[in-house]
Amino acid sequence: MNSLISFVQAYHDNNLVLVVLGDHQPATIVSGQGASHDVPITLISHDPAVMSRISPWGWQDGLRPRPDAPVWSMDDFRDRFLGAYGP
């Protein structure tokens, strides 16, 4: 996460849009025993119009999802994302 934050700060670009998603669940040293296989997804943009397209999703601001954040399968996220930003 430090690398991601450093990149966004160093290459400040008002047109930058990043979709950041984990490729596997956290190690047990981070998540503890018995954690789910869910991974966080974060959308980063300076443009409020980009963020307004996903406002119905119920996501909160910030990089760390709340415990009650929505949980979707990757194909469900893909379909929602393409619906929000596709033709």
PDB file of N, CA and C in Angstrom:
ATOM      1  N   MET A   1       0.812  -1.178   0.000  1.00  0.00           N
ATOM      2  CA  MET A   1       0.000   0.000   0.000  1.00  0.00           C
ATOM      3  C   MET A   1       0.864   1.253   0.000  1.00  0.00           C
ATOM      4  N   ASN A   2       2.015   1.178   0.667  1.00  0.00           N
ATOM      5  CA  ASN A   2       2.913   2.336   0.662  1.00  0.00           C
ATOM      6  C   ASN A   2       3.375   2.674  -0.743  1.00  0.00           C
ATOM      7  N   SER A   3       3.671   1.649  -1.549  1.00  0.00           N
ATOM      8  CA  SER A   3       4.102   1.886  -2.929  1.00  0.00           C
ATOM      9  C   SER A   3       2.997   2.539  -3.742  1.00  0.00           C
ATOM     10  N   LEU A   4       1.790   2.078  -3.552  1.00  0.00           N
ATOM     11  CA  LEU A   4       0.648   2.644  -4.265  1.00  0.00           C
ATOM     12  C   LEU A   4       0.445   4.109  -3.898  1.00  0.00           C
ATOM     13  N   ILE A   5       0.458   4.392  -2.615  1.00  0.00           N
ATOM     14  CA  ILE A   5       0.273   5.769  -2.157  1.00  0.00           C
ATOM     15  C   ILE A   5       1.408   6.657  -2.659  1.00  0.00           C
ATOM     16  N   SER A   6       2.629   6.174  -2.607  1.00  0.00           N
ATOM     17  CA  SER A   6       3.778   6.944  -3.100  1.00  0.00           C
ATOM     18  C   SER A   6       3.640   7.235  -4.590  1.00  0.00           C
ATOM     19  N   PHE A   7       3.188   6.257  -5.360  1.00  0.00           N
ATOM     20  CA  PHE A   7       3.002   6.452  -6.801  1.00  0.00           C
ATOM     21  C   PHE A   7       1.980   7.554  -7.064  1.00  0.00           C
ATOM     22  N   VAL A   8       0.845   7.488  -6.406  1.00  0.00           N
ATOM     23  CA  VAL A   8      -0.207   8.487  -6.628  1.00  0.00           C
ATOM     24  C   VAL A   8       0.284   9.875  -6.232  1.00  0.00           C
ATOM     25  N   GLN A   9       1.031   9.970  -5.147  1.00  0.00           N
ATOM     26  CA  GLN A   9       1.547  11.265  -4.710  1.00  0.00           C
ATOM     27  C   GLN A   9       2.638  11.787  -5.636  1.00  0.00           C
ATOM     28  N   ALA A  10       3.530  10.913  -6.089  1.00  0.00           N
ATOM     29  CA  ALA A  10       4.663  11.347  -6.916  1.00  0.00           C
ATOM     30  C   ALA A  10       4.234  11.736  -8.329  1.00  0.00           C
ATOM     31  N   TYR A  11       3.257  11.036  -8.884  1.00  0.00           N
ATOM     32  CA  TYR A  11       2.825  11.290 -10.262  1.00  0.00           C
ATOM     33  C   TYR A  11       1.423  11.878 -10.270  1.00  0.00           C
ATOM     34  N   HIS A  12       1.248  12.905  -9.448  1.00  0.00           N
ATOM     35  CA  HIS A  12      -0.054  13.552  -9.306  1.00  0.00           C
ATOM     36  C   HIS A  12      -0.594  13.912 -10.685  1.00  0.00           C
ATOM     37  N   ASP A  13      -1.686  13.275 -11.043  1.00  0.00           N
ATOM     38  CA  ASP A  13      -2.299  13.470 -12.356  1.00  0.00           C
ATOM     39  C   ASP A  13      -3.809  13.489 -12.149  1.00  0.00           C
ATOM     40  N   ASN A  14      -4.440  14.614 -12.463  1.00  0.00           N
ATOM     41  CA  ASN A  14      -5.883  14.728 -12.245  1.00  0.00           C
ATOM     42  C   ASN A  14      -6.692  13.766 -13.113  1.00  0.00           C
ATOM     43  N   ASN A  15      -6.092  13.193 -14.145  1.00  0.00           N
ATOM     44  CA  ASN A  15      -6.789  12.248 -15.015  1.00  0.00           C
ATOM     45  C   ASN A  15      -6.522  10.784 -14.644  1.00  0.00           C
ATOM     46  N   LEU A  16      -5.723  10.566 -13.610  1.00  0.00           N
ATOM     47  CA  LEU A  16      -5.369   9.210 -13.211  1.00  0.00           C
ATOM     48  C   LEU A  16      -6.564   8.493 -12.594  1.00  0.00           C
ATOM     49  N   VAL A  17      -6.795   7.282 -13.053  1.00  0.00           N
ATOM     50  CA  VAL A  17      -7.803   6.401 -12.458  1.00  0.00           C
ATOM     51  C   VAL A  17      -7.128   5.053 -12.246  1.00  0.00           C
ATOM     52  N   LEU A  18      -7.183   4.546 -11.021  1.00  0.00           N
ATOM     53  CA  LEU A  18      -6.598   3.249 -10.696  1.00  0.00           C
ATOM     54  C   LEU A  18      -7.670   2.327 -10.132  1.00  0.00           C
ATOM     55  N   VAL A  19      -7.670   1.100 -10.599  1.00  0.00           N
ATOM     56  CA  VAL A  19      -8.473   0.046  -9.994  1.00  0.00           C
ATOM     57  C   VAL A  19      -7.470  -0.895  -9.342  1.00  0.00           C
ATOM     58  N   VAL A  20      -7.522  -0.976  -8.028  1.00  0.00           N
ATOM     59  CA  VAL A  20      -6.549  -1.755  -7.264  1.00  0.00           C
ATOM     60  C   VAL A  20      -7.291  -2.926  -6.627  1.00  0.00           C
ATOM     61  N   LEU A  21      -6.858  -4.140  -6.972  1.00  0.00           N
ATOM     62  CA  LEU A  21      -7.489  -5.294  -6.356  1.00  0.00           C
ATOM     63  C   LEU A  21      -6.455  -6.330  -5.997  1.00  0.00           C
ATOM     64  N   GLY A  22      -6.743  -7.009  -4.911  1.00  0.00           N
ATOM     65  CA  GLY A  22      -5.845  -8.052  -4.444  1.00  0.00           C
ATOM     66  C   GLY A  22      -5.943  -9.271  -5.339  1.00  0.00           C
ATOM     67  N   ASP A  23      -4.871 -10.029  -5.420  1.00  0.00           N
ATOM     68  CA  ASP A  23      -4.895 -11.248  -6.240  1.00  0.00           C
ATOM     69  C   ASP A  23      -4.991 -12.500  -5.371  1.00  0.00           C
ATOM     70  N   HIS A  24      -4.957 -12.332  -4.061  1.00  0.00           N
ATOM     71  CA  HIS A  24      -5.123 -13.458  -3.139  1.00  0.00           C
ATOM     72  C   HIS A  24      -5.423 -12.901  -1.752  1.00  0.00           C
ATOM     73  N   GLN A  25      -5.923 -13.750  -0.888  1.00  0.00           N
ATOM     74  CA  GLN A  25      -6.232 -13.309   0.469  1.00  0.00           C
ATOM     75  C   GLN A  25      -4.943 -12.988   1.216  1.00  0.00           C
ATOM     76  N   PRO A  26      -5.040 -12.141   2.250  1.00  0.00           N
ATOM     77  CA  PRO A  26      -3.844 -11.822   3.030  1.00  0.00           C
ATOM     78  C   PRO A  26      -3.282 -13.055   3.732  1.00  0.00           C
ATOM     79  N   ALA A  27      -2.004 -13.017   4.001  1.00  0.00           N
ATOM     80  CA  ALA A  27      -1.365 -14.077   4.777  1.00  0.00           C
ATOM     81  C   ALA A  27      -1.964 -14.105   6.178  1.00  0.00           C
ATOM     82  N   THR A  28      -1.971 -15.271   6.790  1.00  0.00           N
ATOM     83  CA  THR A  28      -2.571 -15.392   8.120  1.00  0.00           C
ATOM     84  C   THR A  28      -1.894 -14.504   9.162  1.00  0.00           C
ATOM     85  N   ILE A  29      -0.637 -14.146   8.928  1.00  0.00           N
ATOM     86  CA  ILE A  29       0.037 -13.237   9.870  1.00  0.00           C
ATOM     87  C   ILE A  29      -0.631 -11.864   9.850  1.00  0.00           C
ATOM     88  N   VAL A  30      -1.281 -11.530   8.731  1.00  0.00           N
ATOM     89  CA  VAL A  30      -1.997 -10.255   8.603  1.00  0.00           C
ATOM     90  C   VAL A  30      -3.461 -10.410   8.999  1.00  0.00           C
ATOM     91  N   SER A  31      -4.107 -11.448   8.450  1.00  0.00           N
ATOM     92  CA  SER A  31      -5.558 -11.588   8.606  1.00  0.00           C
ATOM     93  C   SER A  31      -5.978 -12.420   9.804  1.00  0.00           C
ATOM     94  N   GLY A  32      -5.067 -13.243  10.321  1.00  0.00           N
ATOM     95  CA  GLY A  32      -5.414 -14.158  11.403  1.00  0.00           C
ATOM     96  C   GLY A  32      -5.919 -15.485  10.850  1.00  0.00           C
ATOM     97  N   GLN A  33      -6.070 -16.437  11.719  1.00  0.00           N
ATOM     98  CA  GLN A  33      -6.519 -17.767  11.323  1.00  0.00           C
ATOM     99  C   GLN A  33      -7.998 -17.719  10.929  1.00  0.00           C
ATOM    100  N   GLY A  34      -8.353 -18.502   9.913  1.00  0.00           N
ATOM    101  CA  GLY A  34      -9.750 -18.642   9.532  1.00  0.00           C
ATOM    102  C   GLY A  34     -10.327 -17.474   8.766  1.00  0.00           C
ATOM    103  N   ALA A  35      -9.494 -16.588   8.258  1.00  0.00           N
ATOM    104  CA  ALA A  35     -10.006 -15.443   7.487  1.00  0.00           C
ATOM    105  C   ALA A  35     -10.563 -15.925   6.152  1.00  0.00           C
ATOM    106  N   SER A  36     -11.455 -15.132   5.581  1.00  0.00           N
ATOM    107  CA  SER A  36     -12.053 -15.497   4.296  1.00  0.00           C
ATOM    108  C   SER A  36     -11.039 -15.294   3.164  1.00  0.00           C
ATOM    109  N   HIS A  37     -11.424 -15.690   1.994  1.00  0.00           N
ATOM    110  CA  HIS A  37     -10.582 -15.507   0.812  1.00  0.00           C
ATOM    111  C   HIS A  37     -10.936 -14.224   0.071  1.00  0.00           C
ATOM    112  N   ASP A  38     -11.747 -13.370   0.663  1.00  0.00           N
ATOM    113  CA  ASP A  38     -12.119 -12.106   0.035  1.00  0.00           C
ATOM    114  C   ASP A  38     -10.905 -11.191  -0.065  1.00  0.00           C
ATOM    115  N   VAL A  39     -10.856 -10.406  -1.129  1.00  0.00           N
ATOM    116  CA  VAL A  39      -9.793  -9.423  -1.301  1.00  0.00           C
ATOM    117  C   VAL A  39     -10.424  -8.052  -1.531  1.00  0.00           C
ATOM    118  N   PRO A  40      -9.784  -6.998  -1.044  1.00  0.00           N
ATOM    119  CA  PRO A  40     -10.345  -5.662  -1.238  1.00  0.00           C
ATOM    120  C   PRO A  40     -10.143  -5.174  -2.664  1.00  0.00           C
ATOM    121  N   ILE A  41     -11.063  -4.334  -3.096  1.00  0.00           N
ATOM    122  CA  ILE A  41     -10.955  -3.637  -4.378  1.00  0.00           C
ATOM    123  C   ILE A  41     -11.113  -2.159  -4.074  1.00  0.00           C
ATOM    124  N   THR A  42     -10.225  -1.341  -4.637  1.00  0.00           N
ATOM    125  CA  THR A  42     -10.252   0.093  -4.414  1.00  0.00           C
ATOM    126  C   THR A  42     -10.211   0.809  -5.750  1.00  0.00           C
ATOM    127  N   LEU A  43     -11.030   1.833  -5.890  1.00  0.00           N
ATOM    128  CA  LEU A  43     -11.001   2.687  -7.070  1.00  0.00           C
ATOM    129  C   LEU A  43     -10.465   4.038  -6.620  1.00  0.00           C
ATOM    130  N   ILE A  44      -9.427   4.525  -7.298  1.00  0.00           N
ATOM    131  CA  ILE A  44      -8.780   5.781  -6.930  1.00  0.00           C
ATOM    132  C   ILE A  44      -8.883   6.734  -8.111  1.00  0.00           C
ATOM    133  N   SER A  45      -9.403   7.931  -7.840  1.00  0.00           N
ATOM    134  CA  SER A  45      -9.510   8.945  -8.881  1.00  0.00           C
ATOM    135  C   SER A  45      -9.628  10.319  -8.238  1.00  0.00           C
ATOM    136  N   HIS A  46      -9.062  11.329  -8.907  1.00  0.00           N
ATOM    137  CA  HIS A  46      -9.228  12.707  -8.454  1.00  0.00           C
ATOM    138  C   HIS A  46     -10.550  13.283  -8.965  1.00  0.00           C
ATOM    139  N   ASP A  47     -11.104  12.678  -9.982  1.00  0.00           N
ATOM    140  CA  ASP A  47     -12.284  13.205 -10.668  1.00  0.00           C
ATOM    141  C   ASP A  47     -13.563  12.724  -9.972  1.00  0.00           C
ATOM    142  N   PRO A  48     -14.343  13.631  -9.405  1.00  0.00           N
ATOM    143  CA  PRO A  48     -15.582  13.232  -8.741  1.00  0.00           C
ATOM    144  C   PRO A  48     -16.568  12.532  -9.688  1.00  0.00           C
ATOM    145  N   ALA A  49     -16.521  12.826 -10.972  1.00  0.00           N
ATOM    146  CA  ALA A  49     -17.421  12.180 -11.936  1.00  0.00           C
ATOM    147  C   ALA A  49     -17.138  10.682 -12.029  1.00  0.00           C
ATOM    148  N   VAL A  50     -15.876  10.321 -11.902  1.00  0.00           N
ATOM    149  CA  VAL A  50     -15.510   8.902 -11.928  1.00  0.00           C
ATOM    150  C   VAL A  50     -16.118   8.201 -10.720  1.00  0.00           C
ATOM    151  N   MET A  51     -16.000   8.816  -9.572  1.00  0.00           N
ATOM    152  CA  MET A  51     -16.499   8.212  -8.351  1.00  0.00           C
ATOM    153  C   MET A  51     -18.030   8.195  -8.305  1.00  0.00           C
ATOM    154  N   SER A  52     -18.666   9.186  -8.905  1.00  0.00           N
ATOM    155  CA  SER A  52     -20.129   9.233  -8.863  1.00  0.00           C
ATOM    156  C   SER A  52     -20.760   8.067  -9.626  1.00  0.00           C
ATOM    157  N   ARG A  53     -20.049   7.526 -10.618  1.00  0.00           N
ATOM    158  CA  ARG A  53     -20.576   6.389 -11.374  1.00  0.00           C
ATOM    159  C   ARG A  53     -20.744   5.145 -10.516  1.00  0.00           C
ATOM    160  N   ILE A  54     -19.978   5.052  -9.423  1.00  0.00           N
ATOM    161  CA  ILE A  54     -20.093   3.868  -8.564  1.00  0.00           C
ATOM    162  C   ILE A  54     -20.757   4.191  -7.223  1.00  0.00           C
ATOM    163  N   SER A  55     -21.281   5.379  -7.075  1.00  0.00           N
ATOM    164  CA  SER A  55     -21.902   5.746  -5.794  1.00  0.00           C
ATOM    165  C   SER A  55     -23.030   4.797  -5.383  1.00  0.00           C
ATOM    166  N   PRO A  56     -23.806   4.224  -6.326  1.00  0.00           N
ATOM    167  CA  PRO A  56     -24.841   3.272  -5.892  1.00  0.00           C
ATOM    168  C   PRO A  56     -24.278   1.975  -5.289  1.00  0.00           C
ATOM    169  N   TRP A  57     -22.997   1.728  -5.417  1.00  0.00           N
ATOM    170  CA  TRP A  57     -22.403   0.485  -4.923  1.00  0.00           C
ATOM    171  C   TRP A  57     -22.323   0.428  -3.397  1.00  0.00           C
ATOM    172  N   GLY A  58     -22.376   1.565  -2.739  1.00  0.00           N
ATOM    173  CA  GLY A  58     -22.297   1.570  -1.282  1.00  0.00           C
ATOM    174  C   GLY A  58     -20.888   1.495  -0.736  1.00  0.00           C
ATOM    175  N   TRP A  59     -19.895   1.819  -1.559  1.00  0.00           N
ATOM    176  CA  TRP A  59     -18.507   1.809  -1.083  1.00  0.00           C
ATOM    177  C   TRP A  59     -18.260   3.066  -0.280  1.00  0.00           C
ATOM    178  N   GLN A  60     -17.326   2.995   0.693  1.00  0.00           N
ATOM    179  CA  GLN A  60     -16.965   4.161   1.474  1.00  0.00           C
ATOM    180  C   GLN A  60     -15.623   4.706   0.983  1.00  0.00           C
ATOM    181  N   ASP A  61     -15.312   5.916   1.409  1.00  0.00           N
ATOM    182  CA  ASP A  61     -14.024   6.523   1.073  1.00  0.00           C
ATOM    183  C   ASP A  61     -12.911   5.796   1.817  1.00  0.00           C
ATOM    184  N   GLY A  62     -11.712   5.844   1.242  1.00  0.00           N
ATOM    185  CA  GLY A  62     -10.541   5.297   1.907  1.00  0.00           C
ATOM    186  C   GLY A  62     -10.076   3.985   1.311  1.00  0.00           C
ATOM    187  N   LEU A  63      -8.931   3.516   1.782  1.00  0.00           N
ATOM    188  CA  LEU A  63      -8.304   2.304   1.249  1.00  0.00           C
ATOM    189  C   LEU A  63      -8.652   1.048   2.041  1.00  0.00           C
ATOM    190  N   ARG A  64      -9.205   1.191   3.218  1.00  0.00           N
ATOM    191  CA  ARG A  64      -9.511   0.023   4.050  1.00  0.00           C
ATOM    192  C   ARG A  64     -11.029  -0.151   4.136  1.00  0.00           C
ATOM    193  N   PRO A  65     -11.532  -1.259   3.599  1.00  0.00           N
ATOM    194  CA  PRO A  65     -12.985  -1.468   3.656  1.00  0.00           C
ATOM    195  C   PRO A  65     -13.476  -1.713   5.079  1.00  0.00           C
ATOM    196  N   ARG A  66     -14.689  -1.232   5.340  1.00  0.00           N
ATOM    197  CA  ARG A  66     -15.331  -1.491   6.634  1.00  0.00           C
ATOM    198  C   ARG A  66     -15.658  -2.981   6.740  1.00  0.00           C
ATOM    199  N   PRO A  67     -15.856  -3.469   7.935  1.00  0.00           N
ATOM    200  CA  PRO A  67     -16.243  -4.878   8.102  1.00  0.00           C
ATOM    201  C   PRO A  67     -17.561  -5.224   7.405  1.00  0.00           C
ATOM    202  N   ASP A  68     -18.445  -4.234   7.232  1.00  0.00           N
ATOM    203  CA  ASP A  68     -19.734  -4.486   6.588  1.00  0.00           C
ATOM    204  C   ASP A  68     -19.741  -4.091   5.105  1.00  0.00           C
ATOM    205  N   ALA A  69     -18.552  -3.931   4.523  1.00  0.00           N
ATOM    206  CA  ALA A  69     -18.460  -3.564   3.099  1.00  0.00           C
ATOM    207  C   ALA A  69     -19.081  -4.661   2.233  1.00  0.00           C
ATOM    208  N   PRO A  70     -19.635  -4.270   1.067  1.00  0.00           N
ATOM    209  CA  PRO A  70     -20.209  -5.286   0.181  1.00  0.00           C
ATOM    210  C   PRO A  70     -19.163  -6.305  -0.252  1.00  0.00           C
ATOM    211  N   VAL A  71     -19.592  -7.537  -0.410  1.00  0.00           N
ATOM    212  CA  VAL A  71     -18.706  -8.614  -0.868  1.00  0.00           C
ATOM    213  C   VAL A  71     -19.311  -9.198  -2.133  1.00  0.00           C
ATOM    214  N   TRP A  72     -18.544  -9.154  -3.219  1.00  0.00           N
ATOM    215  CA  TRP A  72     -18.991  -9.664  -4.513  1.00  0.00           C
ATOM    216  C   TRP A  72     -17.947 -10.619  -5.066  1.00  0.00           C
ATOM    217  N   SER A  73     -18.375 -11.518  -5.898  1.00  0.00           N
ATOM    218  CA  SER A  73     -17.436 -12.364  -6.633  1.00  0.00           C
ATOM    219  C   SER A  73     -16.744 -11.493  -7.685  1.00  0.00           C
ATOM    220  N   MET A  74     -15.609 -11.959  -8.175  1.00  0.00           N
ATOM    221  CA  MET A  74     -14.864 -11.177  -9.174  1.00  0.00           C
ATOM    222  C   MET A  74     -15.674 -10.962 -10.448  1.00  0.00           C
ATOM    223  N   ASP A  75     -16.457 -11.968 -10.880  1.00  0.00           N
ATOM    224  CA  ASP A  75     -17.251 -11.780 -12.096  1.00  0.00           C
ATOM    225  C   ASP A  75     -18.377 -10.782 -11.862  1.00  0.00           C
ATOM    226  N   ASP A  76     -18.911 -10.718 -10.650  1.00  0.00           N
ATOM    227  CA  ASP A  76     -19.935  -9.725 -10.339  1.00  0.00           C
ATOM    228  C   ASP A  76     -19.321  -8.324 -10.362  1.00  0.00           C
ATOM    229  N   PHE A  77     -18.115  -8.180  -9.776  1.00  0.00           N
ATOM    230  CA  PHE A  77     -17.436  -6.883  -9.832  1.00  0.00           C
ATOM    231  C   PHE A  77     -17.189  -6.487 -11.283  1.00  0.00           C
ATOM    232  N   ARG A  78     -16.693  -7.415 -12.085  1.00  0.00           N
ATOM    233  CA  ARG A  78     -16.417  -7.124 -13.495  1.00  0.00           C
ATOM    234  C   ARG A  78     -17.675  -6.600 -14.188  1.00  0.00           C
ATOM    235  N   ASP A  79     -18.790  -7.279 -13.992  1.00  0.00           N
ATOM    236  CA  ASP A  79     -20.031  -6.864 -14.649  1.00  0.00           C
ATOM    237  C   ASP A  79     -20.491  -5.503 -14.171  1.00  0.00           C
ATOM    238  N   ARG A  80     -20.381  -5.244 -12.885  1.00  0.00           N
ATOM    239  CA  ARG A  80     -20.759  -3.927 -12.351  1.00  0.00           C
ATOM    240  C   ARG A  80     -19.825  -2.842 -12.904  1.00  0.00           C
ATOM    241  N   PHE A  81     -18.537  -3.142 -12.933  1.00  0.00           N
ATOM    242  CA  PHE A  81     -17.561  -2.157 -13.423  1.00  0.00           C
ATOM    243  C   PHE A  81     -17.817  -1.821 -14.892  1.00  0.00           C
ATOM    244  N   LEU A  82     -17.998  -2.850 -15.706  1.00  0.00           N
ATOM    245  CA  LEU A  82     -18.262  -2.603 -17.127  1.00  0.00           C
ATOM    246  C   LEU A  82     -19.601  -1.904 -17.328  1.00  0.00           C
ATOM    247  N   GLY A  83     -20.569  -2.185 -16.481  1.00  0.00           N
ATOM    248  CA  GLY A  83     -21.843  -1.485 -16.558  1.00  0.00           C
ATOM    249  C   GLY A  83     -21.716  -0.016 -16.224  1.00  0.00           C
ATOM    250  N   ALA A  84     -20.852   0.306 -15.257  1.00  0.00           N
ATOM    251  CA  ALA A  84     -20.659   1.694 -14.825  1.00  0.00           C
ATOM    252  C   ALA A  84     -19.842   2.511 -15.812  1.00  0.00           C
ATOM    253  N   TYR A  85     -18.849   1.862 -16.452  1.00  0.00           N
ATOM    254  CA  TYR A  85     -17.916   2.622 -17.285  1.00  0.00           C
ATOM    255  C   TYR A  85     -17.903   2.198 -18.749  1.00  0.00           C
ATOM    256  N   GLY A  86     -18.582   1.129 -19.086  1.00  0.00           N
ATOM    257  CA  GLY A  86     -18.591   0.669 -20.468  1.00  0.00           C
ATOM    258  C   GLY A  86     -19.591   1.426 -21.316  1.00  0.00           C
ATOM    259  N   PRO A  87     -19.657   1.058 -22.596  1.00  0.00           N
ATOM    260  CA  PRO A  87     -20.599   1.753 -23.497  1.00  0.00           C
ATOM    261  C   PRO A  87     -22.050   1.460 -23.160  1.00  0.00           C
TER     262      PRO A  87
END
